[in-house]
Amino acid sequence: MPRFLVHIHTGPADPNKATLGCLVALTAARKGHEVTVFFAGDGVHLLAPDHAGLEGAGTGRLGDHLTGLAEAGARFRVSGMSAKARGYDDGLLEDHPAEFAMPEVLVDLAHAADTVLSY
């Protein structure tokens, strides 16, 4: 199956775009594709527990998408620099199939992916 990389750099200030990215990633994972979601910039906020209730207009609830992605075997990579700049530590990764990654990992993932989407 094709590999998808979904790069989410939009944060909770734009709930429609942020949840849409997660919904598209979830849809690909449920179709059996290998999915990696890379959270960077303000997108790192989406993994914080206080944003689980974020909901877009017609794009669903963030917490449901993140749970579904984990259950479908998707992997999360989180920009360590973005997280640190926004005051997060390793606690941000708790309860997620996630690890911190540097920009070179994003480049490598994009190079290896069959499809790259950005939100």
N, C-alpha and C. Protein backbone atom coordinates (compact mmCIF):
# COMPACT_ATOMS: atom_id res chain seq x y z
N MET A 1 0.84 -1.19 0.00
CA MET A 1 0.00 0.00 0.00
C MET A 1 0.87 1.25 0.00
N PRO A 2 0.38 2.31 -0.60
CA PRO A 2 1.14 3.56 -0.64
C PRO A 2 1.38 4.14 0.75
N ARG A 3 2.46 4.90 0.86
CA ARG A 3 2.80 5.59 2.11
C ARG A 3 2.37 7.05 2.02
N PHE A 4 1.67 7.49 3.05
CA PHE A 4 1.21 8.87 3.14
C PHE A 4 1.97 9.58 4.24
N LEU A 5 2.39 10.80 3.95
CA LEU A 5 2.90 11.71 4.96
C LEU A 5 1.94 12.88 5.01
N VAL A 6 1.39 13.14 6.18
CA VAL A 6 0.51 14.29 6.37
C VAL A 6 1.23 15.24 7.33
N HIS A 7 1.58 16.40 6.81
CA HIS A 7 2.33 17.40 7.58
C HIS A 7 1.32 18.43 8.09
N ILE A 8 1.14 18.47 9.39
CA ILE A 8 0.17 19.40 9.98
C ILE A 8 0.92 20.47 10.76
N HIS A 9 0.82 21.70 10.27
CA HIS A 9 1.49 22.83 10.91
C HIS A 9 0.48 23.88 11.36
N THR A 10 -0.80 23.59 11.18
CA THR A 10 -1.88 24.48 11.61
C THR A 10 -2.31 24.10 13.01
N GLY A 11 -2.47 25.08 13.85
CA GLY A 11 -2.85 24.83 15.24
C GLY A 11 -4.32 25.05 15.51
N PRO A 12 -4.68 25.07 16.77
CA PRO A 12 -6.08 25.18 17.18
C PRO A 12 -6.75 26.50 16.80
N ALA A 13 -6.00 27.49 16.39
CA ALA A 13 -6.62 28.75 15.97
C ALA A 13 -7.44 28.58 14.69
N ASP A 14 -7.16 27.52 13.93
CA ASP A 14 -7.92 27.22 12.71
C ASP A 14 -8.43 25.77 12.82
N PRO A 15 -9.50 25.56 13.61
CA PRO A 15 -9.96 24.20 13.88
C PRO A 15 -10.39 23.43 12.63
N ASN A 16 -10.91 24.13 11.63
CA ASN A 16 -11.34 23.42 10.42
C ASN A 16 -10.14 22.80 9.70
N LYS A 17 -9.11 23.58 9.48
CA LYS A 17 -7.94 23.09 8.77
C LYS A 17 -7.19 22.04 9.59
N ALA A 18 -7.05 22.27 10.89
CA ALA A 18 -6.32 21.34 11.75
C ALA A 18 -7.03 19.98 11.81
N THR A 19 -8.34 19.99 12.00
CA THR A 19 -9.06 18.71 12.08
C THR A 19 -9.19 18.06 10.71
N LEU A 20 -9.24 18.85 9.65
CA LEU A 20 -9.29 18.28 8.31
C LEU A 20 -8.04 17.47 8.01
N GLY A 21 -6.89 18.00 8.37
CA GLY A 21 -5.65 17.25 8.17
C GLY A 21 -5.67 15.92 8.88
N CYS A 22 -6.16 15.91 10.11
CA CYS A 22 -6.23 14.66 10.88
C CYS A 22 -7.28 13.72 10.29
N LEU A 23 -8.39 14.26 9.82
CA LEU A 23 -9.43 13.44 9.21
C LEU A 23 -8.93 12.77 7.93
N VAL A 24 -8.22 13.51 7.10
CA VAL A 24 -7.68 12.94 5.87
C VAL A 24 -6.65 11.85 6.20
N ALA A 25 -5.80 12.11 7.18
CA ALA A 25 -4.82 11.10 7.60
C ALA A 25 -5.53 9.85 8.10
N LEU A 26 -6.57 10.03 8.89
CA LEU A 26 -7.34 8.90 9.41
C LEU A 26 -8.00 8.12 8.28
N THR A 27 -8.53 8.81 7.32
CA THR A 27 -9.17 8.15 6.18
C THR A 27 -8.16 7.28 5.44
N ALA A 28 -6.96 7.80 5.21
CA ALA A 28 -5.92 7.02 4.54
C ALA A 28 -5.53 5.80 5.38
N ALA A 29 -5.39 5.98 6.68
CA ALA A 29 -5.02 4.86 7.56
C ALA A 29 -6.10 3.78 7.57
N ARG A 30 -7.35 4.19 7.60
CA ARG A 30 -8.45 3.22 7.61
C ARG A 30 -8.57 2.47 6.29
N LYS A 31 -8.05 3.06 5.22
CA LYS A 31 -8.03 2.38 3.92
C LYS A 31 -6.84 1.41 3.83
N GLY A 32 -6.04 1.36 4.88
CA GLY A 32 -4.92 0.43 4.93
C GLY A 32 -3.58 1.00 4.51
N HIS A 33 -3.52 2.29 4.24
CA HIS A 33 -2.26 2.91 3.85
C HIS A 33 -1.36 3.09 5.06
N GLU A 34 -0.07 3.12 4.83
CA GLU A 34 0.90 3.44 5.87
C GLU A 34 0.88 4.96 6.03
N VAL A 35 0.60 5.43 7.23
CA VAL A 35 0.43 6.87 7.46
C VAL A 35 1.36 7.35 8.57
N THR A 36 2.06 8.43 8.27
CA THR A 36 2.82 9.15 9.28
C THR A 36 2.30 10.58 9.29
N VAL A 37 2.00 11.08 10.47
CA VAL A 37 1.58 12.47 10.63
C VAL A 37 2.72 13.20 11.31
N PHE A 38 3.19 14.25 10.67
CA PHE A 38 4.27 15.08 11.23
C PHE A 38 3.65 16.38 11.70
N PHE A 39 3.68 16.61 13.02
CA PHE A 39 3.14 17.83 13.61
C PHE A 39 4.29 18.83 13.81
N ALA A 40 4.14 20.03 13.27
CA ALA A 40 5.17 21.05 13.39
C ALA A 40 4.52 22.41 13.57
N GLY A 41 5.31 23.40 13.87
CA GLY A 41 4.78 24.74 14.08
C GLY A 41 3.68 24.71 15.12
N ASP A 42 2.61 25.46 14.89
CA ASP A 42 1.50 25.49 15.84
C ASP A 42 0.73 24.18 15.87
N GLY A 43 0.99 23.29 14.92
CA GLY A 43 0.35 21.97 14.91
C GLY A 43 0.71 21.13 16.12
N VAL A 44 1.83 21.42 16.77
CA VAL A 44 2.20 20.62 17.95
C VAL A 44 1.17 20.79 19.07
N HIS A 45 0.50 21.92 19.11
CA HIS A 45 -0.54 22.15 20.13
C HIS A 45 -1.65 21.09 20.06
N LEU A 46 -1.86 20.51 18.89
CA LEU A 46 -2.97 19.58 18.71
C LEU A 46 -2.82 18.32 19.54
N LEU A 47 -1.61 17.99 19.94
CA LEU A 47 -1.39 16.79 20.76
C LEU A 47 -1.61 17.05 22.25
N ALA A 48 -1.74 18.29 22.65
CA ALA A 48 -1.98 18.62 24.05
C ALA A 48 -3.40 18.20 24.44
N PRO A 49 -3.55 17.56 25.60
CA PRO A 49 -4.86 17.04 26.01
C PRO A 49 -5.97 18.08 26.03
N ASP A 50 -5.63 19.33 26.32
CA ASP A 50 -6.68 20.35 26.41
C ASP A 50 -7.26 20.74 25.04
N HIS A 51 -6.72 20.18 23.95
CA HIS A 51 -7.27 20.47 22.62
C HIS A 51 -8.03 19.28 22.03
N ALA A 52 -8.19 18.21 22.79
CA ALA A 52 -8.87 17.01 22.28
C ALA A 52 -10.30 17.30 21.85
N GLY A 53 -10.95 18.27 22.46
CA GLY A 53 -12.33 18.60 22.13
C GLY A 53 -12.46 19.53 20.93
N LEU A 54 -11.35 19.95 20.36
CA LEU A 54 -11.38 20.83 19.19
C LEU A 54 -12.18 20.18 18.08
N GLU A 55 -13.07 20.94 17.50
CA GLU A 55 -13.93 20.39 16.45
C GLU A 55 -14.05 21.38 15.30
N GLY A 56 -13.94 20.85 14.10
CA GLY A 56 -14.10 21.68 12.91
C GLY A 56 -15.52 21.55 12.39
N ALA A 57 -15.89 22.48 11.54
CA ALA A 57 -17.22 22.45 10.91
C ALA A 57 -17.22 21.39 9.81
N GLY A 58 -17.81 20.26 10.10
CA GLY A 58 -17.86 19.17 9.13
C GLY A 58 -16.60 18.34 9.05
N THR A 59 -15.63 18.62 9.91
CA THR A 59 -14.37 17.88 9.86
C THR A 59 -14.11 17.05 11.11
N GLY A 60 -15.07 17.02 12.00
CA GLY A 60 -14.99 16.13 13.16
C GLY A 60 -14.21 16.66 14.34
N ARG A 61 -14.11 15.79 15.34
CA ARG A 61 -13.49 16.12 16.62
C ARG A 61 -12.06 15.61 16.63
N LEU A 62 -11.14 16.48 17.01
CA LEU A 62 -9.72 16.17 17.01
C LEU A 62 -9.39 14.93 17.83
N GLY A 63 -9.89 14.84 19.04
CA GLY A 63 -9.59 13.70 19.91
C GLY A 63 -9.99 12.37 19.28
N ASP A 64 -11.13 12.35 18.60
CA ASP A 64 -11.57 11.13 17.92
C ASP A 64 -10.62 10.75 16.80
N HIS A 65 -10.16 11.75 16.06
CA HIS A 65 -9.23 11.49 14.95
C HIS A 65 -7.90 10.96 15.47
N LEU A 66 -7.37 11.56 16.54
CA LEU A 66 -6.09 11.11 17.08
C LEU A 66 -6.18 9.69 17.61
N THR A 67 -7.27 9.38 18.30
CA THR A 67 -7.47 8.02 18.79
C THR A 67 -7.59 7.04 17.63
N GLY A 68 -8.37 7.40 16.64
CA GLY A 68 -8.53 6.55 15.46
C GLY A 68 -7.22 6.32 14.73
N LEU A 69 -6.41 7.35 14.61
CA LEU A 69 -5.11 7.20 13.96
C LEU A 69 -4.22 6.23 14.73
N ALA A 70 -4.20 6.36 16.04
CA ALA A 70 -3.40 5.44 16.85
C ALA A 70 -3.89 4.01 16.70
N GLU A 71 -5.19 3.83 16.74
CA GLU A 71 -5.77 2.48 16.60
C GLU A 71 -5.50 1.88 15.22
N ALA A 72 -5.39 2.73 14.20
CA ALA A 72 -5.15 2.26 12.84
C ALA A 72 -3.67 2.04 12.54
N GLY A 73 -2.82 2.32 13.53
CA GLY A 73 -1.39 2.07 13.36
C GLY A 73 -0.60 3.22 12.77
N ALA A 74 -1.18 4.39 12.70
CA ALA A 74 -0.43 5.55 12.20
C ALA A 74 0.66 5.93 13.20
N ARG A 75 1.70 6.54 12.68
CA ARG A 75 2.80 7.02 13.52
C ARG A 75 2.79 8.54 13.52
N PHE A 76 3.13 9.11 14.67
CA PHE A 76 3.21 10.56 14.80
C PHE A 76 4.67 10.95 15.00
N ARG A 77 5.10 11.97 14.29
CA ARG A 77 6.39 12.59 14.52
C ARG A 77 6.08 14.04 14.87
N VAL A 78 6.81 14.55 15.85
CA VAL A 78 6.53 15.88 16.37
C VAL A 78 7.82 16.69 16.32
N SER A 79 7.75 17.86 15.73
CA SER A 79 8.93 18.72 15.67
C SER A 79 9.37 19.05 17.09
N GLY A 80 10.54 18.59 17.44
CA GLY A 80 11.07 18.87 18.77
C GLY A 80 11.34 20.35 18.97
N MET A 81 11.81 21.01 17.92
CA MET A 81 12.08 22.44 18.02
C MET A 81 10.79 23.24 18.18
N SER A 82 9.75 22.86 17.43
CA SER A 82 8.46 23.55 17.55
C SER A 82 7.86 23.35 18.93
N ALA A 83 7.95 22.11 19.43
CA ALA A 83 7.40 21.82 20.76
C ALA A 83 8.12 22.60 21.84
N LYS A 84 9.44 22.58 21.80
CA LYS A 84 10.22 23.30 22.81
C LYS A 84 9.93 24.80 22.78
N ALA A 85 9.84 25.36 21.58
CA ALA A 85 9.57 26.79 21.44
C ALA A 85 8.20 27.18 21.98
N ARG A 86 7.30 26.19 22.08
CA ARG A 86 5.95 26.45 22.57
C ARG A 86 5.75 25.95 24.00
N GLY A 87 6.84 25.59 24.67
CA GLY A 87 6.80 25.25 26.08
C GLY A 87 6.46 23.80 26.41
N TYR A 88 6.53 22.90 25.43
CA TYR A 88 6.22 21.50 25.68
C TYR A 88 7.48 20.69 25.94
N ASP A 89 7.29 19.61 26.71
CA ASP A 89 8.37 18.66 26.95
C ASP A 89 7.87 17.28 26.54
N ASP A 90 8.53 16.22 27.01
CA ASP A 90 8.16 14.85 26.65
C ASP A 90 6.71 14.50 27.01
N GLY A 91 6.13 15.21 27.95
CA GLY A 91 4.75 14.95 28.34
C GLY A 91 3.78 15.10 27.19
N LEU A 92 4.13 15.90 26.20
CA LEU A 92 3.27 16.10 25.04
C LEU A 92 3.05 14.80 24.27
N LEU A 93 4.02 13.91 24.32
CA LEU A 93 3.96 12.67 23.55
C LEU A 93 3.14 11.57 24.23
N GLU A 94 2.86 11.74 25.52
CA GLU A 94 2.13 10.73 26.27
C GLU A 94 0.79 10.44 25.62
N ASP A 95 0.42 9.16 25.64
CA ASP A 95 -0.86 8.70 25.09
C ASP A 95 -0.96 8.82 23.57
N HIS A 96 0.16 9.02 22.90
CA HIS A 96 0.18 9.09 21.44
C HIS A 96 1.29 8.18 20.91
N PRO A 97 1.13 7.62 19.72
CA PRO A 97 2.21 6.85 19.10
C PRO A 97 3.21 7.82 18.48
N ALA A 98 3.90 8.58 19.33
CA ALA A 98 4.66 9.74 18.87
C ALA A 98 6.09 9.74 19.38
N GLU A 99 6.92 10.41 18.61
CA GLU A 99 8.28 10.70 19.05
C GLU A 99 8.70 12.02 18.44
N PHE A 100 9.64 12.68 19.11
CA PHE A 100 10.16 13.93 18.58
C PHE A 100 11.05 13.64 17.39
N ALA A 101 11.07 14.58 16.46
CA ALA A 101 11.88 14.45 15.26
C ALA A 101 12.37 15.83 14.83
N MET A 102 13.48 15.83 14.16
CA MET A 102 14.09 17.05 13.66
C MET A 102 13.71 17.24 12.18
N PRO A 103 14.01 18.41 11.60
CA PRO A 103 13.63 18.68 10.21
C PRO A 103 14.14 17.64 9.21
N GLU A 104 15.31 17.07 9.44
CA GLU A 104 15.81 16.08 8.48
C GLU A 104 14.91 14.85 8.42
N VAL A 105 14.23 14.54 9.50
CA VAL A 105 13.29 13.42 9.48
C VAL A 105 12.09 13.76 8.59
N LEU A 106 11.61 14.98 8.68
CA LEU A 106 10.52 15.41 7.81
C LEU A 106 10.93 15.30 6.34
N VAL A 107 12.13 15.73 6.03
CA VAL A 107 12.63 15.64 4.66
C VAL A 107 12.72 14.18 4.22
N ASP A 108 13.25 13.33 5.07
CA ASP A 108 13.36 11.90 4.73
C ASP A 108 11.99 11.26 4.54
N LEU A 109 11.05 11.60 5.41
CA LEU A 109 9.70 11.05 5.28
C LEU A 109 9.04 11.51 3.99
N ALA A 110 9.22 12.77 3.65
CA ALA A 110 8.63 13.30 2.42
C ALA A 110 9.24 12.61 1.21
N HIS A 111 10.53 12.39 1.25
CA HIS A 111 11.21 11.73 0.14
C HIS A 111 10.72 10.29 -0.04
N ALA A 112 10.47 9.61 1.06
CA ALA A 112 10.06 8.20 1.01
C ALA A 112 8.57 8.00 0.75
N ALA A 113 7.78 9.05 0.96
CA ALA A 113 6.32 8.92 0.83
C ALA A 113 5.90 8.88 -0.63
N ASP A 114 4.79 8.18 -0.86
CA ASP A 114 4.17 8.20 -2.18
C ASP A 114 3.29 9.44 -2.34
N THR A 115 2.71 9.89 -1.22
CA THR A 115 1.84 11.05 -1.22
C THR A 115 2.16 11.91 0.00
N VAL A 116 2.31 13.21 -0.22
CA VAL A 116 2.54 14.16 0.87
C VAL A 116 1.42 15.19 0.83
N LEU A 117 0.77 15.36 1.97
CA LEU A 117 -0.29 16.36 2.12
C LEU A 117 0.11 17.31 3.25
N SER A 118 -0.27 18.56 3.13
CA SER A 118 0.11 19.53 4.13
C SER A 118 -1.10 20.37 4.52
N TYR A 119 -1.26 20.51 5.83
CA TYR A 119 -2.38 21.28 6.38
C TYR A 119 -1.87 22.25 7.43
